[in-house]
Amino acid sequence: PDTRELVLAELHPGIDLDQVRAATGWNLKVSAELGETPA
């Protein structure tokens, strides 16, 4: 809300943070309240 930069808010089931970072071409920021998407 302050910068408008996209932040990871949820991981889908079975996905870990390293996978998402490896699939992102910038230094991805992660929400302090990172959740998991319901299957």
Full PDB file with SEQRES, HELIX, SHEET, SSBOND, CRYST1, ORIGX, SCALE, CONECT and MASTER records, all heavy atoms in Angstrom:
SEQRES   1 A   39  PRO ASP THR ARG GLU LEU VAL LEU ALA GLU LEU HIS PRO          
SEQRES   2 A   39  GLY ILE ASP LEU ASP GLN VAL ARG ALA ALA THR GLY TRP          
SEQRES   3 A   39  ASN LEU LYS VAL SER ALA GLU LEU GLY GLU THR PRO ALA          
HELIX    1 AA1 LEU A   17  ALA A   22  1                                   6    
SHEET    1 AA1 2 VAL A   7  LEU A  11  0                                        
SHEET    2 AA1 2 LYS A  29  GLU A  36  1                                        
CRYST1    1.000    1.000    1.000  90.00  90.00  90.00 P 1           1          
ORIGX1      1.000000  0.000000  0.000000        0.00000                         
ORIGX2      0.000000  1.000000  0.000000        0.00000                         
ORIGX3      0.000000  0.000000  1.000000        0.00000                         
SCALE1      1.000000  0.000000  0.000000        0.00000                         
SCALE2      0.000000  1.000000  0.000000        0.00000                         
SCALE3      0.000000  0.000000  1.000000        0.00000                         
ATOM      1  N   PRO A   1       0.804  -1.231   0.000  1.00  0.00           N  
ATOM      2  CA  PRO A   1       0.000   0.000   0.000  1.00  0.00           C  
ATOM      3  C   PRO A   1       0.831   1.273   0.000  1.00  0.00           C  
ATOM      4  O   PRO A   1       0.340   2.324  -0.441  1.00  0.00           O  
ATOM      5  CB  PRO A   1      -0.833  -0.116   1.282  1.00  0.00           C  
ATOM      6  CG  PRO A   1      -0.123  -1.113   2.131  1.00  0.00           C  
ATOM      7  CD  PRO A   1       0.547  -2.056   1.194  1.00  0.00           C  
ATOM      8  N   ASP A   2       2.065   1.214   0.457  1.00  0.00           N  
ATOM      9  CA  ASP A   2       2.899   2.412   0.523  1.00  0.00           C  
ATOM     10  C   ASP A   2       3.767   2.613  -0.709  1.00  0.00           C  
ATOM     11  O   ASP A   2       4.028   3.745  -1.118  1.00  0.00           O  
ATOM     12  CB  ASP A   2       3.801   2.360   1.766  1.00  0.00           C  
ATOM     13  CG  ASP A   2       2.992   2.396   3.055  1.00  0.00           C  
ATOM     14  OD1 ASP A   2       1.992   3.137   3.107  1.00  0.00           O  
ATOM     15  OD2 ASP A   2       3.359   1.671   3.995  1.00  0.00           O  
ATOM     16  N   THR A   3       4.230   1.508  -1.323  1.00  0.00           N  
ATOM     17  CA  THR A   3       5.141   1.627  -2.465  1.00  0.00           C  
ATOM     18  C   THR A   3       4.521   1.175  -3.776  1.00  0.00           C  
ATOM     19  O   THR A   3       5.012   1.540  -4.850  1.00  0.00           O  
ATOM     20  CB  THR A   3       6.404   0.794  -2.228  1.00  0.00           C  
ATOM     21  OG1 THR A   3       6.053  -0.602  -2.212  1.00  0.00           O  
ATOM     22  CG2 THR A   3       7.079   1.179  -0.913  1.00  0.00           C  
ATOM     23  N   ARG A   4       3.488   0.363  -3.728  1.00  0.00           N  
ATOM     24  CA  ARG A   4       2.828  -0.284  -4.857  1.00  0.00           C  
ATOM     25  C   ARG A   4       3.684  -1.379  -5.497  1.00  0.00           C  
ATOM     26  O   ARG A   4       3.331  -1.913  -6.546  1.00  0.00           O  
ATOM     27  CB  ARG A   4       2.402   0.741  -5.924  1.00  0.00           C  
ATOM     28  CG  ARG A   4       1.385   1.770  -5.445  1.00  0.00           C  
ATOM     29  CD  ARG A   4       0.071   1.123  -5.071  1.00  0.00           C  
ATOM     30  NE  ARG A   4      -0.970   2.105  -4.817  1.00  0.00           N  
ATOM     31  CZ  ARG A   4      -1.281   2.582  -3.622  1.00  0.00           C  
ATOM     32  NH1 ARG A   4      -0.633   2.138  -2.560  1.00  0.00           N  
ATOM     33  NH2 ARG A   4      -2.235   3.470  -3.463  1.00  0.00           N  
ATOM     34  N   GLU A   5       4.790  -1.746  -4.879  1.00  0.00           N  
ATOM     35  CA  GLU A   5       5.571  -2.871  -5.375  1.00  0.00           C  
ATOM     36  C   GLU A   5       4.855  -4.168  -5.011  1.00  0.00           C  
ATOM     37  O   GLU A   5       4.326  -4.317  -3.908  1.00  0.00           O  
ATOM     38  CB  GLU A   5       6.974  -2.867  -4.768  1.00  0.00           C  
ATOM     39  CG  GLU A   5       7.861  -3.987  -5.276  1.00  0.00           C  
ATOM     40  CD  GLU A   5       9.292  -3.900  -4.746  1.00  0.00           C  
ATOM     41  OE1 GLU A   5       9.727  -2.787  -4.392  1.00  0.00           O  
ATOM     42  OE2 GLU A   5       9.956  -4.949  -4.693  1.00  0.00           O  
ATOM     43  N   LEU A   6       4.862  -5.132  -5.943  1.00  0.00           N  
ATOM     44  CA  LEU A   6       4.189  -6.396  -5.694  1.00  0.00           C  
ATOM     45  C   LEU A   6       4.908  -7.186  -4.610  1.00  0.00           C  
ATOM     46  O   LEU A   6       6.134  -7.319  -4.624  1.00  0.00           O  
ATOM     47  CB  LEU A   6       4.120  -7.220  -6.981  1.00  0.00           C  
ATOM     48  CG  LEU A   6       3.211  -6.659  -8.079  1.00  0.00           C  
ATOM     49  CD1 LEU A   6       3.345  -7.486  -9.346  1.00  0.00           C  
ATOM     50  CD2 LEU A   6       1.753  -6.615  -7.624  1.00  0.00           C  
ATOM     51  N   VAL A   7       4.121  -7.729  -3.682  1.00  0.00           N  
ATOM     52  CA  VAL A   7       4.634  -8.478  -2.536  1.00  0.00           C  
ATOM     53  C   VAL A   7       3.954  -9.839  -2.511  1.00  0.00           C  
ATOM     54  O   VAL A   7       2.749  -9.951  -2.758  1.00  0.00           O  
ATOM     55  CB  VAL A   7       4.337  -7.713  -1.224  1.00  0.00           C  
ATOM     56  CG1 VAL A   7       4.733  -8.531  -0.012  1.00  0.00           C  
ATOM     57  CG2 VAL A   7       5.048  -6.360  -1.215  1.00  0.00           C  
ATOM     58  N   LEU A   8       4.718 -10.872  -2.237  1.00  0.00           N  
ATOM     59  CA  LEU A   8       4.137 -12.206  -2.139  1.00  0.00           C  
ATOM     60  C   LEU A   8       3.267 -12.294  -0.891  1.00  0.00           C  
ATOM     61  O   LEU A   8       3.740 -12.113   0.231  1.00  0.00           O  
ATOM     62  CB  LEU A   8       5.247 -13.260  -2.089  1.00  0.00           C  
ATOM     63  CG  LEU A   8       4.780 -14.721  -2.036  1.00  0.00           C  
ATOM     64  CD1 LEU A   8       4.063 -15.099  -3.324  1.00  0.00           C  
ATOM     65  CD2 LEU A   8       5.959 -15.648  -1.780  1.00  0.00           C  
ATOM     66  N   ALA A   9       1.977 -12.594  -1.091  1.00  0.00           N  
ATOM     67  CA  ALA A   9       1.026 -12.645   0.019  1.00  0.00           C  
ATOM     68  C   ALA A   9       0.645 -14.067   0.400  1.00  0.00           C  
ATOM     69  O   ALA A   9       0.349 -14.340   1.566  1.00  0.00           O  
ATOM     70  CB  ALA A   9      -0.240 -11.868  -0.336  1.00  0.00           C  
ATOM     71  N   GLU A  10       0.633 -14.984  -0.591  1.00  0.00           N  
ATOM     72  CA  GLU A  10       0.251 -16.370  -0.326  1.00  0.00           C  
ATOM     73  C   GLU A  10       1.088 -17.316  -1.181  1.00  0.00           C  
ATOM     74  O   GLU A  10       1.424 -16.999  -2.333  1.00  0.00           O  
ATOM     75  CB  GLU A  10      -1.228 -16.616  -0.651  1.00  0.00           C  
ATOM     76  CG  GLU A  10      -2.215 -15.886   0.240  1.00  0.00           C  
ATOM     77  CD  GLU A  10      -3.658 -16.178  -0.137  1.00  0.00           C  
ATOM     78  OE1 GLU A  10      -3.921 -17.254  -0.730  1.00  0.00           O  
ATOM     79  OE2 GLU A  10      -4.517 -15.330   0.157  1.00  0.00           O  
ATOM     80  N   LEU A  11       1.396 -18.476  -0.632  1.00  0.00           N  
ATOM     81  CA  LEU A  11       1.990 -19.573  -1.381  1.00  0.00           C  
ATOM     82  C   LEU A  11       0.913 -20.626  -1.629  1.00  0.00           C  
ATOM     83  O   LEU A  11       0.107 -20.923  -0.742  1.00  0.00           O  
ATOM     84  CB  LEU A  11       3.127 -20.221  -0.587  1.00  0.00           C  
ATOM     85  CG  LEU A  11       4.433 -19.425  -0.423  1.00  0.00           C  
ATOM     86  CD1 LEU A  11       5.339 -20.129   0.582  1.00  0.00           C  
ATOM     87  CD2 LEU A  11       5.139 -19.282  -1.761  1.00  0.00           C  
ATOM     88  N   HIS A  12       0.912 -21.192  -2.834  1.00  0.00           N  
ATOM     89  CA  HIS A  12      -0.001 -22.304  -3.075  1.00  0.00           C  
ATOM     90  C   HIS A  12       0.516 -23.557  -2.361  1.00  0.00           C  
ATOM     91  O   HIS A  12       1.716 -23.673  -2.072  1.00  0.00           O  
ATOM     92  CB  HIS A  12      -0.111 -22.562  -4.579  1.00  0.00           C  
ATOM     93  CG  HIS A  12      -0.758 -21.447  -5.347  1.00  0.00           C  
ATOM     94  ND1 HIS A  12      -1.687 -20.600  -4.795  1.00  0.00           N  
ATOM     95  CD2 HIS A  12      -0.608 -21.048  -6.646  1.00  0.00           C  
ATOM     96  CE1 HIS A  12      -2.091 -19.729  -5.713  1.00  0.00           C  
ATOM     97  NE2 HIS A  12      -1.449 -19.977  -6.831  1.00  0.00           N  
ATOM     98  N   PRO A  13      -0.360 -24.493  -2.058  1.00  0.00           N  
ATOM     99  CA  PRO A  13       0.060 -25.711  -1.362  1.00  0.00           C  
ATOM    100  C   PRO A  13       1.201 -26.429  -2.086  1.00  0.00           C  
ATOM    101  O   PRO A  13       1.183 -26.578  -3.316  1.00  0.00           O  
ATOM    102  CB  PRO A  13      -1.215 -26.572  -1.363  1.00  0.00           C  
ATOM    103  CG  PRO A  13      -2.331 -25.587  -1.460  1.00  0.00           C  
ATOM    104  CD  PRO A  13      -1.817 -24.477  -2.318  1.00  0.00           C  
ATOM    105  N   GLY A  14       2.205 -26.849  -1.321  1.00  0.00           N  
ATOM    106  CA  GLY A  14       3.321 -27.588  -1.884  1.00  0.00           C  
ATOM    107  C   GLY A  14       4.411 -26.727  -2.506  1.00  0.00           C  
ATOM    108  O   GLY A  14       5.428 -27.247  -2.970  1.00  0.00           O  
ATOM    109  N   ILE A  15       4.226 -25.415  -2.511  1.00  0.00           N  
ATOM    110  CA  ILE A  15       5.219 -24.492  -3.078  1.00  0.00           C  
ATOM    111  C   ILE A  15       6.017 -23.869  -1.942  1.00  0.00           C  
ATOM    112  O   ILE A  15       5.452 -23.464  -0.923  1.00  0.00           O  
ATOM    113  CB  ILE A  15       4.532 -23.378  -3.902  1.00  0.00           C  
ATOM    114  CG1 ILE A  15       3.678 -23.990  -5.019  1.00  0.00           C  
ATOM    115  CG2 ILE A  15       5.564 -22.417  -4.470  1.00  0.00           C  
ATOM    116  CD1 ILE A  15       4.429 -24.808  -6.025  1.00  0.00           C  
ATOM    117  N   ASP A  16       7.343 -23.803  -2.110  1.00  0.00           N  
ATOM    118  CA  ASP A  16       8.146 -23.149  -1.077  1.00  0.00           C  
ATOM    119  C   ASP A  16       8.670 -21.807  -1.585  1.00  0.00           C  
ATOM    120  O   ASP A  16       8.651 -21.510  -2.783  1.00  0.00           O  
ATOM    121  CB  ASP A  16       9.287 -24.036  -0.573  1.00  0.00           C  
ATOM    122  CG  ASP A  16      10.311 -24.384  -1.636  1.00  0.00           C  
ATOM    123  OD1 ASP A  16      10.754 -23.480  -2.371  1.00  0.00           O  
ATOM    124  OD2 ASP A  16      10.689 -25.572  -1.735  1.00  0.00           O  
ATOM    125  N   LEU A  17       9.134 -21.015  -0.656  1.00  0.00           N  
ATOM    126  CA  LEU A  17       9.544 -19.643  -0.955  1.00  0.00           C  
ATOM    127  C   LEU A  17      10.689 -19.592  -1.952  1.00  0.00           C  
ATOM    128  O   LEU A  17      10.732 -18.710  -2.819  1.00  0.00           O  
ATOM    129  CB  LEU A  17       9.921 -18.935   0.346  1.00  0.00           C  
ATOM    130  CG  LEU A  17      10.137 -17.432   0.311  1.00  0.00           C  
ATOM    131  CD1 LEU A  17       8.959 -16.719  -0.332  1.00  0.00           C  
ATOM    132  CD2 LEU A  17      10.370 -16.911   1.727  1.00  0.00           C  
ATOM    133  N   ASP A  18      11.617 -20.517  -1.869  1.00  0.00           N  
ATOM    134  CA  ASP A  18      12.748 -20.521  -2.795  1.00  0.00           C  
ATOM    135  C   ASP A  18      12.285 -20.708  -4.234  1.00  0.00           C  
ATOM    136  O   ASP A  18      12.857 -20.119  -5.158  1.00  0.00           O  
ATOM    137  CB  ASP A  18      13.731 -21.631  -2.423  1.00  0.00           C  
ATOM    138  CG  ASP A  18      14.525 -21.309  -1.167  1.00  0.00           C  
ATOM    139  OD1 ASP A  18      14.579 -20.116  -0.788  1.00  0.00           O  
ATOM    140  OD2 ASP A  18      15.080 -22.246  -0.554  1.00  0.00           O  
ATOM    141  N   GLN A  19      11.255 -21.519  -4.462  1.00  0.00           N  
ATOM    142  CA  GLN A  19      10.716 -21.702  -5.811  1.00  0.00           C  
ATOM    143  C   GLN A  19      10.209 -20.384  -6.380  1.00  0.00           C  
ATOM    144  O   GLN A  19      10.440 -20.068  -7.551  1.00  0.00           O  
ATOM    145  CB  GLN A  19       9.570 -22.712  -5.790  1.00  0.00           C  
ATOM    146  CG  GLN A  19       9.961 -24.155  -5.681  1.00  0.00           C  
ATOM    147  CD  GLN A  19       8.733 -25.047  -5.650  1.00  0.00           C  
ATOM    148  OE1 GLN A  19       8.223 -25.373  -4.573  1.00  0.00           O  
ATOM    149  NE2 GLN A  19       8.234 -25.432  -6.802  1.00  0.00           N  
ATOM    150  N   VAL A  20       9.489 -19.643  -5.558  1.00  0.00           N  
ATOM    151  CA  VAL A  20       8.908 -18.383  -6.032  1.00  0.00           C  
ATOM    152  C   VAL A  20      10.007 -17.365  -6.303  1.00  0.00           C  
ATOM    153  O   VAL A  20       9.978 -16.655  -7.320  1.00  0.00           O  
ATOM    154  CB  VAL A  20       7.888 -17.838  -5.014  1.00  0.00           C  
ATOM    155  CG1 VAL A  20       7.222 -16.584  -5.550  1.00  0.00           C  
ATOM    156  CG2 VAL A  20       6.839 -18.886  -4.685  1.00  0.00           C  
ATOM    157  N   ARG A  21      10.975 -17.281  -5.428  1.00  0.00           N  
ATOM    158  CA  ARG A  21      12.073 -16.334  -5.637  1.00  0.00           C  
ATOM    159  C   ARG A  21      12.856 -16.666  -6.903  1.00  0.00           C  
ATOM    160  O   ARG A  21      13.254 -15.774  -7.654  1.00  0.00           O  
ATOM    161  CB  ARG A  21      12.988 -16.324  -4.414  1.00  0.00           C  
ATOM    162  CG  ARG A  21      12.375 -15.571  -3.230  1.00  0.00           C  
ATOM    163  CD  ARG A  21      13.295 -15.512  -2.048  1.00  0.00           C  
ATOM    164  NE  ARG A  21      12.853 -14.521  -1.076  1.00  0.00           N  
ATOM    165  CZ  ARG A  21      12.928 -14.667   0.236  1.00  0.00           C  
ATOM    166  NH1 ARG A  21      13.437 -15.788   0.752  1.00  0.00           N  
ATOM    167  NH2 ARG A  21      12.512 -13.715   1.044  1.00  0.00           N  
ATOM    168  N   ALA A  22      13.069 -17.955  -7.170  1.00  0.00           N  
ATOM    169  CA  ALA A  22      13.797 -18.365  -8.364  1.00  0.00           C  
ATOM    170  C   ALA A  22      13.021 -18.051  -9.640  1.00  0.00           C  
ATOM    171  O   ALA A  22      13.611 -17.890 -10.715  1.00  0.00           O  
ATOM    172  CB  ALA A  22      14.110 -19.854  -8.299  1.00  0.00           C  
ATOM    173  N   ALA A  23      11.695 -17.950  -9.532  1.00  0.00           N  
ATOM    174  CA  ALA A  23      10.843 -17.674 -10.684  1.00  0.00           C  
ATOM    175  C   ALA A  23      10.521 -16.200 -10.835  1.00  0.00           C  
ATOM    176  O   ALA A  23       9.660 -15.823 -11.637  1.00  0.00           O  
ATOM    177  CB  ALA A  23       9.546 -18.472 -10.554  1.00  0.00           C  
ATOM    178  N   THR A  24      11.214 -15.346 -10.073  1.00  0.00           N  
ATOM    179  CA  THR A  24      10.952 -13.901 -10.081  1.00  0.00           C  
ATOM    180  C   THR A  24      12.228 -13.150 -10.435  1.00  0.00           C  
ATOM    181  O   THR A  24      13.277 -13.394  -9.851  1.00  0.00           O  
ATOM    182  CB  THR A  24      10.449 -13.433  -8.697  1.00  0.00           C  
ATOM    183  OG1 THR A  24       9.345 -14.247  -8.304  1.00  0.00           O  
ATOM    184  CG2 THR A  24      10.011 -11.975  -8.741  1.00  0.00           C  
ATOM    185  N   GLY A  25      12.126 -12.243 -11.392  1.00  0.00           N  
ATOM    186  CA  GLY A  25      13.299 -11.535 -11.888  1.00  0.00           C  
ATOM    187  C   GLY A  25      13.677 -10.299 -11.110  1.00  0.00           C  
ATOM    188  O   GLY A  25      14.405  -9.449 -11.626  1.00  0.00           O  
ATOM    189  N   TRP A  26      13.181 -10.182  -9.907  1.00  0.00           N  
ATOM    190  CA  TRP A  26      13.609  -9.096  -9.027  1.00  0.00           C  
ATOM    191  C   TRP A  26      13.671  -9.636  -7.595  1.00  0.00           C  
ATOM    192  O   TRP A  26      13.254 -10.771  -7.346  1.00  0.00           O  
ATOM    193  CB  TRP A  26      12.674  -7.884  -9.122  1.00  0.00           C  
ATOM    194  CG  TRP A  26      11.292  -8.068  -8.554  1.00  0.00           C  
ATOM    195  CD1 TRP A  26      10.903  -7.899  -7.259  1.00  0.00           C  
ATOM    196  CD2 TRP A  26      10.088  -8.436  -9.266  1.00  0.00           C  
ATOM    197  NE1 TRP A  26       9.557  -8.143  -7.112  1.00  0.00           N  
ATOM    198  CE2 TRP A  26       9.034  -8.474  -8.323  1.00  0.00           C  
ATOM    199  CE3 TRP A  26       9.820  -8.724 -10.603  1.00  0.00           C  
ATOM    200  CZ2 TRP A  26       7.738  -8.786  -8.691  1.00  0.00           C  
ATOM    201  CZ3 TRP A  26       8.522  -9.056 -10.969  1.00  0.00           C  
ATOM    202  CH2 TRP A  26       7.498  -9.082 -10.015  1.00  0.00           C  
ATOM    203  N   ASN A  27      14.207  -8.846  -6.701  1.00  0.00           N  
ATOM    204  CA  ASN A  27      14.324  -9.259  -5.306  1.00  0.00           C  
ATOM    205  C   ASN A  27      12.946  -9.173  -4.660  1.00  0.00           C  
ATOM    206  O   ASN A  27      12.545  -8.137  -4.146  1.00  0.00           O  
ATOM    207  CB  ASN A  27      15.332  -8.370  -4.571  1.00  0.00           C  
ATOM    208  CG  ASN A  27      15.581  -8.833  -3.145  1.00  0.00           C  
ATOM    209  OD1 ASN A  27      15.278  -9.968  -2.784  1.00  0.00           O  
ATOM    210  ND2 ASN A  27      16.129  -7.945  -2.327  1.00  0.00           N  
ATOM    211  N   LEU A  28      12.238 -10.293  -4.696  1.00  0.00           N  
ATOM    212  CA  LEU A  28      10.839 -10.328  -4.286  1.00  0.00           C  
ATOM    213  C   LEU A  28      10.687 -10.102  -2.794  1.00  0.00           C  
ATOM    214  O   LEU A  28      11.337 -10.760  -1.982  1.00  0.00           O  
ATOM    215  CB  LEU A  28      10.228 -11.679  -4.659  1.00  0.00           C  
ATOM    216  CG  LEU A  28       8.753 -11.895  -4.308  1.00  0.00           C  
ATOM    217  CD1 LEU A  28       7.864 -10.946  -5.103  1.00  0.00           C  
ATOM    218  CD2 LEU A  28       8.365 -13.347  -4.568  1.00  0.00           C  
ATOM    219  N   LYS A  29       9.797  -9.183  -2.435  1.00  0.00           N  
ATOM    220  CA  LYS A  29       9.482  -8.957  -1.034  1.00  0.00           C  
ATOM    221  C   LYS A  29       8.349  -9.883  -0.615  1.00  0.00           C  
ATOM    222  O   LYS A  29       7.479 -10.230  -1.421  1.00  0.00           O  
ATOM    223  CB  LYS A  29       9.111  -7.493  -0.805  1.00  0.00           C  
ATOM    224  CG  LYS A  29      10.284  -6.548  -1.047  1.00  0.00           C  
ATOM    225  CD  LYS A  29       9.914  -5.099  -0.806  1.00  0.00           C  
ATOM    226  CE  LYS A  29      11.122  -4.196  -1.037  1.00  0.00           C  
ATOM    227  NZ  LYS A  29      10.784  -2.761  -0.889  1.00  0.00           N  
ATOM    228  N   VAL A  30       8.361 -10.274   0.639  1.00  0.00           N  
ATOM    229  CA  VAL A  30       7.410 -11.255   1.157  1.00  0.00           C  
ATOM    230  C   VAL A  30       6.644 -10.646   2.318  1.00  0.00           C  
ATOM    231  O   VAL A  30       7.228 -10.001   3.193  1.00  0.00           O  
ATOM    232  CB  VAL A  30       8.140 -12.532   1.621  1.00  0.00           C  
ATOM    233  CG1 VAL A  30       7.157 -13.545   2.183  1.00  0.00           C  
ATOM    234  CG2 VAL A  30       8.933 -13.137   0.466  1.00  0.00           C  
ATOM    235  N   SER A  31       5.339 -10.848   2.320  1.00  0.00           N  
ATOM    236  CA  SER A  31       4.509 -10.324   3.394  1.00  0.00           C  
ATOM    237  C   SER A  31       4.908 -10.937   4.731  1.00  0.00           C  
ATOM    238  O   SER A  31       5.215 -12.128   4.824  1.00  0.00           O  
ATOM    239  CB  SER A  31       3.039 -10.638   3.107  1.00  0.00           C  
ATOM    240  OG  SER A  31       2.229 -10.335   4.219  1.00  0.00           O  
ATOM    241  N   ALA A  32       4.867 -10.104   5.762  1.00  0.00           N  
ATOM    242  CA  ALA A  32       5.130 -10.605   7.114  1.00  0.00           C  
ATOM    243  C   ALA A  32       4.048 -11.578   7.557  1.00  0.00           C  
ATOM    244  O   ALA A  32       4.252 -12.361   8.491  1.00  0.00           O  
ATOM    245  CB  ALA A  32       5.207  -9.428   8.090  1.00  0.00           C  
ATOM    246  N   GLU A  33       2.902 -11.548   6.878  1.00  0.00           N  
ATOM    247  CA  GLU A  33       1.787 -12.440   7.198  1.00  0.00           C  
ATOM    248  C   GLU A  33       1.549 -13.417   6.047  1.00  0.00           C  
ATOM    249  O   GLU A  33       0.412 -13.680   5.651  1.00  0.00           O  
ATOM    250  CB  GLU A  33       0.533 -11.625   7.498  1.00  0.00           C  
ATOM    251  CG  GLU A  33       0.703 -10.673   8.683  1.00  0.00           C  
ATOM    252  CD  GLU A  33      -0.509  -9.797   8.918  1.00  0.00           C  
ATOM    253  OE1 GLU A  33      -1.456  -9.839   8.092  1.00  0.00           O  
ATOM    254  OE2 GLU A  33      -0.522  -9.072   9.928  1.00  0.00           O  
ATOM    255  N   LEU A  34       2.634 -13.960   5.499  1.00  0.00           N  
ATOM    256  CA  LEU A  34       2.535 -14.879   4.374  1.00  0.00           C  
ATOM    257  C   LEU A  34       1.618 -16.050   4.710  1.00  0.00           C  
ATOM    258  O   LEU A  34       1.805 -16.731   5.721  1.00  0.00           O  
ATOM    259  CB  LEU A  34       3.935 -15.390   4.012  1.00  0.00           C  
ATOM    260  CG  LEU A  34       4.024 -16.370   2.834  1.00  0.00           C  
ATOM    261  CD1 LEU A  34       3.613 -15.690   1.538  1.00  0.00           C  
ATOM    262  CD2 LEU A  34       5.444 -16.920   2.718  1.00  0.00           C  
ATOM    263  N   GLY A  35       0.639 -16.267   3.843  1.00  0.00           N  
ATOM    264  CA  GLY A  35      -0.315 -17.344   4.071  1.00  0.00           C  
ATOM    265  C   GLY A  35      -0.206 -18.440   3.030  1.00  0.00           C  
ATOM    266  O   GLY A  35       0.636 -18.386   2.126  1.00  0.00           O  
ATOM    267  N   GLU A  36      -1.078 -19.432   3.159  1.00  0.00           N  
ATOM    268  CA  GLU A  36      -1.148 -20.513   2.169  1.00  0.00           C  
ATOM    269  C   GLU A  36      -2.530 -20.509   1.538  1.00  0.00           C  
ATOM    270  O   GLU A  36      -3.551 -20.459   2.233  1.00  0.00           O  
ATOM    271  CB  GLU A  36      -0.881 -21.866   2.809  1.00  0.00           C  
ATOM    272  CG  GLU A  36      -0.921 -23.008   1.787  1.00  0.00           C  
ATOM    273  CD  GLU A  36      -0.561 -24.358   2.368  1.00  0.00           C  
ATOM    274  OE1 GLU A  36       0.643 -24.669   2.420  1.00  0.00           O  
ATOM    275  OE2 GLU A  36      -1.491 -25.094   2.787  1.00  0.00           O  
ATOM    276  N   THR A  37      -2.564 -20.550   0.221  1.00  0.00           N  
ATOM    277  CA  THR A  37      -3.822 -20.601  -0.508  1.00  0.00           C  
ATOM    278  C   THR A  37      -4.536 -21.920  -0.212  1.00  0.00           C  
ATOM    279  O   THR A  37      -3.910 -22.978  -0.274  1.00  0.00           O  
ATOM    280  CB  THR A  37      -3.558 -20.521  -2.024  1.00  0.00           C  
ATOM    281  OG1 THR A  37      -2.643 -19.465  -2.298  1.00  0.00           O  
ATOM    282  CG2 THR A  37      -4.847 -20.298  -2.783  1.00  0.00           C  
ATOM    283  N   PRO A  38      -5.811 -21.889   0.121  1.00  0.00           N  
ATOM    284  CA  PRO A  38      -6.540 -23.149   0.300  1.00  0.00           C  
ATOM    285  C   PRO A  38      -6.536 -23.967  -0.990  1.00  0.00           C  
ATOM    286  O   PRO A  38      -6.683 -23.420  -2.091  1.00  0.00           O  
ATOM    287  CB  PRO A  38      -7.958 -22.687   0.658  1.00  0.00           C  
ATOM    288  CG  PRO A  38      -7.788 -21.306   1.203  1.00  0.00           C  
ATOM    289  CD  PRO A  38      -6.649 -20.715   0.444  1.00  0.00           C  
ATOM    290  N   ALA A  39      -6.337 -25.251  -0.871  1.00  0.00           N  
ATOM    291  CA  ALA A  39      -6.330 -26.133  -2.040  1.00  0.00           C  
ATOM    292  C   ALA A  39      -7.709 -26.145  -2.705  1.00  0.00           C  
ATOM    293  O   ALA A  39      -8.733 -25.871  -2.067  1.00  0.00           O  
ATOM    294  CB  ALA A  39      -5.946 -27.547  -1.609  1.00  0.00           C  
TER     295      ALA A  39                                                      
MASTER        0    0    0    1    2    0    0    6  294    1    0    3          
END                                                                             
